[in-house]
Amino acid sequence: MLKITLVKSLIKGKDFQKGTVKALGLHKIGSSVIKEDTPLVKGMINRVSHLLKVEEVDGEVK
């Protein structure tokens, strides 16, 4: 499981960056989501990695 947090603004971001962040489920700076560690999610993280903070989390999400 990965905890993904938006740490930088999207104000001057390109449309594909805004779409990728929205697809991850992030809305405002400081918002976080927990996602499965899949190749799809890894690809999205890689595309906007300069805007995110990613941490590995153990356990199941309830």
C-alpha atoms as a PDB file:
ATOM      1  CA  MET A   1       0.000   0.000   0.000  1.00  0.00           C
ATOM      2  CA  LEU A   2       1.177   3.498  -0.820  1.00  0.00           C
ATOM      3  CA  LYS A   3       0.232   6.742   0.907  1.00  0.00           C
ATOM      4  CA  ILE A   4       0.323   9.518  -1.688  1.00  0.00           C
ATOM      5  CA  THR A   5       0.268  13.183  -0.597  1.00  0.00           C
ATOM      6  CA  LEU A   6       0.050  16.266  -2.823  1.00  0.00           C
ATOM      7  CA  VAL A   7       2.771  18.684  -1.669  1.00  0.00           C
ATOM      8  CA  LYS A   8       3.006  21.219  -4.516  1.00  0.00           C
ATOM      9  CA  SER A   9       0.474  23.375  -6.336  1.00  0.00           C
ATOM     10  CA  LEU A  10      -1.000  22.643  -9.755  1.00  0.00           C
ATOM     11  CA  ILE A  11      -1.577  26.307 -10.635  1.00  0.00           C
ATOM     12  CA  LYS A  12       1.017  26.370 -13.424  1.00  0.00           C
ATOM     13  CA  GLY A  13       0.719  22.654 -14.122  1.00  0.00           C
ATOM     14  CA  LYS A  14      -0.088  21.277 -17.535  1.00  0.00           C
ATOM     15  CA  ASP A  15      -3.459  19.699 -18.265  1.00  0.00           C
ATOM     16  CA  PHE A  16      -2.090  16.138 -18.188  1.00  0.00           C
ATOM     17  CA  GLN A  17      -0.589  16.781 -14.747  1.00  0.00           C
ATOM     18  CA  LYS A  18      -3.887  18.120 -13.408  1.00  0.00           C
ATOM     19  CA  GLY A  19      -5.726  15.123 -14.839  1.00  0.00           C
ATOM     20  CA  THR A  20      -3.259  12.647 -13.364  1.00  0.00           C
ATOM     21  CA  VAL A  21      -3.468  14.199  -9.894  1.00  0.00           C
ATOM     22  CA  LYS A  22      -7.279  14.199 -10.107  1.00  0.00           C
ATOM     23  CA  ALA A  23      -7.257  10.539 -11.212  1.00  0.00           C
ATOM     24  CA  LEU A  24      -5.195   9.688  -8.134  1.00  0.00           C
ATOM     25  CA  GLY A  25      -7.965  11.242  -6.021  1.00  0.00           C
ATOM     26  CA  LEU A  26      -6.027  14.264  -4.767  1.00  0.00           C
ATOM     27  CA  HIS A  27      -7.663  17.691  -4.594  1.00  0.00           C
ATOM     28  CA  LYS A  28      -5.806  20.205  -2.431  1.00  0.00           C
ATOM     29  CA  ILE A  29      -2.250  20.571  -1.177  1.00  0.00           C
ATOM     30  CA  GLY A  30      -1.852  18.306   1.833  1.00  0.00           C
ATOM     31  CA  SER A  31      -4.564  15.869   0.780  1.00  0.00           C
ATOM     32  CA  SER A  32      -3.611  12.196   0.944  1.00  0.00           C
ATOM     33  CA  VAL A  33      -4.897   8.918  -0.430  1.00  0.00           C
ATOM     34  CA  ILE A  34      -3.900   5.312   0.109  1.00  0.00           C
ATOM     35  CA  LYS A  35      -3.653   3.212  -3.045  1.00  0.00           C
ATOM     36  CA  GLU A  36      -2.608  -0.323  -3.916  1.00  0.00           C
ATOM     37  CA  ASP A  37       0.952  -0.706  -5.205  1.00  0.00           C
ATOM     38  CA  THR A  38       0.138  -1.572  -8.843  1.00  0.00           C
ATOM     39  CA  PRO A  39       1.955  -0.765 -12.101  1.00  0.00           C
ATOM     40  CA  LEU A  40      -0.868   1.619 -13.083  1.00  0.00           C
ATOM     41  CA  VAL A  41      -0.542   3.656  -9.888  1.00  0.00           C
ATOM     42  CA  LYS A  42       3.274   3.594 -10.106  1.00  0.00           C
ATOM     43  CA  GLY A  43       3.059   5.018 -13.637  1.00  0.00           C
ATOM     44  CA  MET A  44       0.780   7.842 -12.533  1.00  0.00           C
ATOM     45  CA  ILE A  45       3.080   8.624  -9.604  1.00  0.00           C
ATOM     46  CA  ASN A  46       6.098   8.634 -11.920  1.00  0.00           C
ATOM     47  CA  ARG A  47       4.382  11.117 -14.241  1.00  0.00           C
ATOM     48  CA  VAL A  48       3.850  13.740 -11.503  1.00  0.00           C
ATOM     49  CA  SER A  49       6.467  12.651  -8.953  1.00  0.00           C
ATOM     50  CA  HIS A  50       7.757  16.217  -8.520  1.00  0.00           C
ATOM     51  CA  LEU A  51       4.366  17.208  -7.032  1.00  0.00           C
ATOM     52  CA  LEU A  52       3.929  14.262  -4.665  1.00  0.00           C
ATOM     53  CA  LYS A  53       5.302  12.661  -1.527  1.00  0.00           C
ATOM     54  CA  VAL A  54       4.964   8.870  -1.523  1.00  0.00           C
ATOM     55  CA  GLU A  55       5.295   6.628   1.536  1.00  0.00           C
ATOM     56  CA  GLU A  56       4.913   2.877   1.850  1.00  0.00           C
ATOM     57  CA  VAL A  57       2.270   1.871   4.407  1.00  0.00           C
ATOM     58  CA  ASP A  58       1.833  -1.570   5.952  1.00  0.00           C
ATOM     59  CA  GLY A  59      -1.521  -3.179   6.592  1.00  0.00           C
ATOM     60  CA  GLU A  60      -5.011  -3.125   5.180  1.00  0.00           C
ATOM     61  CA  VAL A  61      -7.217  -0.066   4.749  1.00  0.00           C
ATOM     62  CA  LYS A  62     -10.587  -0.372   6.486  1.00  0.00           C
END
